Protein backbone atom coordinates (compact mmCIF):
# COMPACT_ATOMS: atom_id res chain seq x y z
CA UNK A 1 -90.39 -30.90 48.98
CA UNK A 2 -93.57 -31.46 51.01
CA UNK A 3 -97.18 -30.81 49.18
CA UNK A 4 -96.92 -30.60 46.00
CA UNK A 5 -99.94 -29.45 44.03
CA UNK A 6 -99.55 -29.92 40.24
CA UNK A 7 -101.62 -28.08 38.21
CA UNK A 8 -104.17 -29.09 35.30
CA UNK A 9 -102.53 -33.20 36.18
CA UNK A 10 -104.93 -35.28 35.01
CA UNK A 11 -103.10 -34.01 31.16
CA UNK A 12 -99.78 -36.39 30.06
CA UNK A 13 -97.35 -34.51 31.52
CA UNK A 14 -99.04 -33.90 34.48
CA UNK A 15 -99.59 -37.84 35.81
CA UNK A 16 -96.13 -38.37 35.12
CA UNK A 17 -95.06 -35.98 37.42
CA UNK A 18 -97.94 -37.00 39.56
CA UNK A 19 -96.31 -40.76 39.26
CA UNK A 20 -92.77 -40.14 39.70
CA UNK A 21 -92.95 -37.47 42.28
CA UNK A 22 -95.90 -40.31 44.57
CA UNK A 23 -92.76 -43.24 43.71
CA UNK A 24 -90.07 -41.50 46.06
CA UNK A 25 -93.17 -39.98 48.66
CA UNK A 26 -93.55 -36.93 48.27
CA UNK A 27 -97.41 -36.47 49.44
CA UNK A 28 -98.82 -35.28 45.94
CA UNK A 29 -102.78 -33.43 45.33
CA UNK A 30 -103.85 -33.69 41.00
CA UNK A 31 -105.59 -30.40 40.11
CA UNK A 32 -107.71 -29.92 37.80
CA UNK A 33 -110.79 -27.68 36.55
CA UNK A 34 -112.85 -30.24 37.55
CA UNK A 35 -113.05 -32.21 40.88
CA UNK A 36 -114.48 -34.87 40.03
CA UNK A 37 -112.01 -35.42 37.15
CA UNK A 38 -108.76 -34.59 39.37
CA UNK A 39 -110.55 -37.11 41.96
CA UNK A 40 -110.84 -40.03 39.58
CA UNK A 41 -106.73 -39.81 38.27
CA UNK A 42 -105.74 -40.06 41.66
CA UNK A 43 -107.14 -43.43 42.16
CA UNK A 44 -106.40 -44.26 38.83
CA UNK A 45 -102.54 -43.90 39.50
CA UNK A 46 -102.96 -45.15 43.50
CA UNK A 47 -104.09 -48.31 41.49
CA UNK A 48 -101.17 -48.06 38.95
CA UNK A 49 -98.50 -47.97 41.33
CA UNK A 50 -99.89 -50.69 43.71
CA UNK A 51 -99.76 -53.13 40.50
CA UNK A 52 -96.02 -52.04 40.62
CA UNK A 53 -95.96 -52.92 43.97
CA UNK A 54 -95.28 -48.98 44.97
CA UNK A 55 -97.61 -47.02 47.95
CA UNK A 56 -98.28 -43.71 46.87
CA UNK A 57 -100.24 -40.20 48.17
CA UNK A 58 -102.19 -39.59 45.92
CA UNK A 59 -105.87 -37.03 45.78
CA UNK A 60 -107.80 -34.82 43.82
CA UNK A 61 -108.96 -31.75 43.82
CA UNK A 62 -109.63 -28.25 41.87
CA UNK A 63 -107.04 -26.38 40.92
CA UNK A 64 -107.11 -24.00 43.91
CA UNK A 65 -108.04 -26.09 46.53
CA UNK A 66 -105.27 -27.77 45.14
CA UNK A 67 -102.80 -24.85 45.98
CA UNK A 68 -103.78 -24.43 49.05
CA UNK A 69 -101.16 -25.67 51.94
CA UNK A 70 -98.71 -26.81 49.30
CA UNK A 71 -94.61 -26.38 49.00
CA UNK A 72 -94.36 -26.46 44.86
CA UNK A 73 -96.61 -26.21 42.78
CA UNK A 74 -96.29 -27.58 39.52
CA UNK A 75 -97.87 -26.24 35.92
CA UNK A 76 -98.59 -28.57 33.99
CA UNK A 77 -101.89 -27.17 31.66
CA UNK A 78 -101.39 -26.48 28.32
CA UNK A 79 -99.91 -23.85 26.71
CA UNK A 80 -103.18 -22.25 25.58
CA UNK A 81 -104.76 -21.96 28.50
CA UNK A 82 -102.28 -20.84 30.96
CA UNK A 83 -103.01 -17.29 30.75
CA UNK A 84 -106.79 -18.14 31.57
CA UNK A 85 -104.97 -20.65 34.63
CA UNK A 86 -102.86 -17.86 36.24
CA UNK A 87 -106.03 -15.26 36.04
CA UNK A 88 -107.91 -17.84 37.63
CA UNK A 89 -105.24 -18.60 40.88
CA UNK A 90 -102.34 -16.19 40.08
CA UNK A 91 -102.70 -14.77 43.50
CA UNK A 92 -102.58 -17.84 45.61
CA UNK A 93 -99.17 -18.31 44.16
CA UNK A 94 -97.32 -15.75 45.55
CA UNK A 95 -95.30 -16.53 48.65
CA UNK A 96 -94.43 -20.06 46.80
CA UNK A 97 -92.06 -21.47 44.09
CA UNK A 98 -93.61 -22.71 41.14
CA UNK A 99 -92.38 -25.31 38.50
CA UNK A 100 -93.02 -24.74 35.57
CA UNK A 101 -93.44 -27.56 32.61
CA UNK A 102 -95.25 -25.56 29.83
CA UNK A 103 -93.79 -26.27 26.66
CA UNK A 104 -95.42 -23.60 23.67
CA UNK A 105 -95.45 -24.98 21.10
CA UNK A 106 -96.58 -24.85 17.65
CA UNK A 107 -96.78 -26.79 14.82
CA UNK A 108 -96.00 -25.93 10.62
CA UNK A 109 -95.83 -28.28 7.86
CA UNK A 110 -95.81 -31.53 10.58
CA UNK A 111 -92.92 -29.33 12.15
CA UNK A 112 -93.13 -28.74 15.58
CA UNK A 113 -91.48 -25.47 16.71
CA UNK A 114 -91.09 -23.05 20.00
CA UNK A 115 -93.50 -20.51 19.54
CA UNK A 116 -91.54 -16.93 19.92
CA UNK A 117 -94.20 -15.61 22.86
CA UNK A 118 -93.33 -12.02 23.60
CA UNK A 119 -91.24 -12.84 27.06
CA UNK A 120 -88.83 -14.68 25.75
CA UNK A 121 -90.60 -18.35 27.08
CA UNK A 122 -93.13 -19.64 29.23
CA UNK A 123 -91.07 -19.69 32.32
CA UNK A 124 -90.53 -15.72 32.34
CA UNK A 125 -93.53 -15.27 31.36
CA UNK A 126 -94.98 -16.75 34.19
CA UNK A 127 -92.90 -14.88 36.78
CA UNK A 128 -93.76 -11.48 34.44
CA UNK A 129 -97.28 -12.17 35.48
CA UNK A 130 -96.70 -14.29 38.66
CA UNK A 131 -94.34 -11.49 40.28
CA UNK A 132 -94.89 -12.84 43.72
CA UNK A 133 -94.05 -16.13 43.02
CA UNK A 134 -90.59 -18.30 43.24
CA UNK A 135 -90.56 -20.07 38.70
CA UNK A 136 -88.46 -22.76 37.85
CA UNK A 137 -88.47 -24.07 34.25
CA UNK A 138 -87.69 -27.88 34.49
CA UNK A 139 -88.36 -31.54 33.39
CA UNK A 140 -89.14 -29.18 29.75
CA UNK A 141 -87.70 -32.13 27.69
CA UNK A 142 -88.71 -35.47 29.28
CA UNK A 143 -91.37 -37.84 28.02
CA UNK A 144 -94.98 -37.76 29.44
CA UNK A 145 -95.10 -41.43 27.96
CA UNK A 146 -91.90 -42.77 29.87
CA UNK A 147 -92.88 -40.75 32.85
CA UNK A 148 -95.98 -43.06 33.40
CA UNK A 149 -94.52 -46.13 32.43
CA UNK A 150 -94.22 -46.60 36.18
CA UNK A 151 -92.26 -50.42 35.55
CA UNK A 152 -90.17 -49.32 34.07
CA UNK A 153 -87.36 -46.48 35.20
CA UNK A 154 -87.09 -43.24 33.91
CA UNK A 155 -83.56 -41.51 32.35
CA UNK A 156 -81.63 -39.14 31.69
CA UNK A 157 -80.90 -34.62 32.63
CA UNK A 158 -83.51 -32.39 33.49
CA UNK A 159 -82.86 -29.10 33.35
CA UNK A 160 -83.39 -26.71 35.70
CA UNK A 161 -83.58 -22.77 35.24
CA UNK A 162 -84.49 -19.88 37.58
CA UNK A 163 -83.61 -15.89 38.86
CA UNK A 164 -84.42 -17.55 42.44
CA UNK A 165 -81.31 -19.70 42.66
CA UNK A 166 -83.15 -21.10 46.90
CA UNK A 167 -85.64 -22.21 45.01
CA UNK A 168 -83.98 -23.63 41.58
CA UNK A 169 -81.62 -26.06 44.32
CA UNK A 170 -84.97 -26.96 45.37
CA UNK A 171 -86.81 -28.80 42.89
CA UNK A 172 -82.62 -29.69 41.60
CA UNK A 173 -82.45 -32.02 44.86
CA UNK A 174 -86.05 -33.02 43.68
CA UNK A 175 -85.52 -33.95 40.35
CA UNK A 176 -81.63 -35.61 42.26
CA UNK A 177 -84.56 -38.07 44.02
CA UNK A 178 -85.88 -39.54 40.85
CA UNK A 179 -83.63 -42.80 40.27
CA UNK A 180 -81.62 -42.21 37.02
CA UNK A 181 -82.55 -38.89 36.09
CA UNK A 182 -79.72 -36.18 37.17
CA UNK A 183 -80.54 -32.18 38.06
CA UNK A 184 -78.10 -30.01 35.65
CA UNK A 185 -78.43 -26.06 36.70
CA UNK A 186 -79.22 -24.40 34.01
CA UNK A 187 -78.71 -21.16 35.05
CA UNK A 188 -81.59 -18.03 34.91
CA UNK A 189 -84.82 -18.35 33.56
CA UNK A 190 -83.45 -16.72 30.06
CA UNK A 191 -81.98 -20.43 29.19
CA UNK A 192 -85.84 -22.05 28.97
CA UNK A 193 -85.98 -20.65 26.26
CA UNK A 194 -83.79 -23.34 25.21
CA UNK A 195 -85.14 -25.82 26.57
CA UNK A 196 -88.71 -25.29 24.53
CA UNK A 197 -86.45 -24.99 21.37
CA UNK A 198 -84.58 -28.31 22.50
CA UNK A 199 -88.41 -29.73 22.45
CA UNK A 200 -89.69 -28.87 19.85
CA UNK A 201 -86.97 -30.68 18.48
CA UNK A 202 -86.82 -34.09 19.64
CA UNK A 203 -90.58 -33.86 18.46
CA UNK A 204 -89.81 -34.09 15.10
CA UNK A 205 -86.63 -36.61 15.71
CA UNK A 206 -89.73 -39.29 17.06
CA UNK A 207 -91.67 -38.24 14.55
CA UNK A 208 -89.01 -39.64 12.53
CA UNK A 209 -87.40 -42.46 14.24
CA UNK A 210 -90.56 -43.92 16.10
CA UNK A 211 -88.51 -43.51 18.57
CA UNK A 212 -89.39 -41.89 22.46
CA UNK A 213 -85.92 -39.94 23.02
CA UNK A 214 -84.03 -37.15 26.05
CA UNK A 215 -81.07 -35.24 26.26
CA UNK A 216 -78.26 -36.27 28.45
CA UNK A 217 -75.48 -33.58 28.55
CA UNK A 218 -72.36 -35.09 28.39
CA UNK A 219 -68.86 -34.28 30.18
CA UNK A 220 -70.08 -33.47 33.69
CA UNK A 221 -69.95 -36.83 34.42
CA UNK A 222 -67.57 -35.61 37.24
CA UNK A 223 -69.37 -33.11 38.75
CA UNK A 224 -73.58 -34.77 39.13
CA UNK A 225 -76.63 -32.87 40.49
CA UNK A 226 -73.53 -29.56 40.80
CA UNK A 227 -75.81 -26.30 41.99
């Protein structure tokens, strides 16, 4: 894939993806609003990987600097901070593949639900704002807790949505390199709306069953990773 920058990379989801990408040999830059915080997160991640028997290429940088030289930029910031981030770094993302892992969720009476956005989903909002970028929505339903436990394998299907076929296929190829993950072609970005709703459902199930759940799509065993 080349260099991967993860904006908001010091949060649980961003850190988990940084670890998993580094485990398969990717060059990863953890981005943050504060360079020192990003550098500390990178150092701690390297130590975590080495303790589990892995070598990893990770470093930290302030969000704008993390983008420079990156082939894939992951947006892992909380939804509440998304507009501010895109306003800050939007021009730097022109021409790049932008991987959206953001879930716009709200909680009412202890129940999670996907927020109703005018654009339909976080990925569609990003594509509207980042008209010169190729936005891909994926890793919406994967547990940050599981991603961060590098001594345990992850497992499940990662649904990948994008209006850009080439960008979608490149992210699917990246997903399929992570052991026990399988990329599933989710079609255009409009389908990211369903992924965000499923995330809300999984969180509600997790709370009821005191579990950590993911998704597996049945009936595709003979066509893994179909693009």
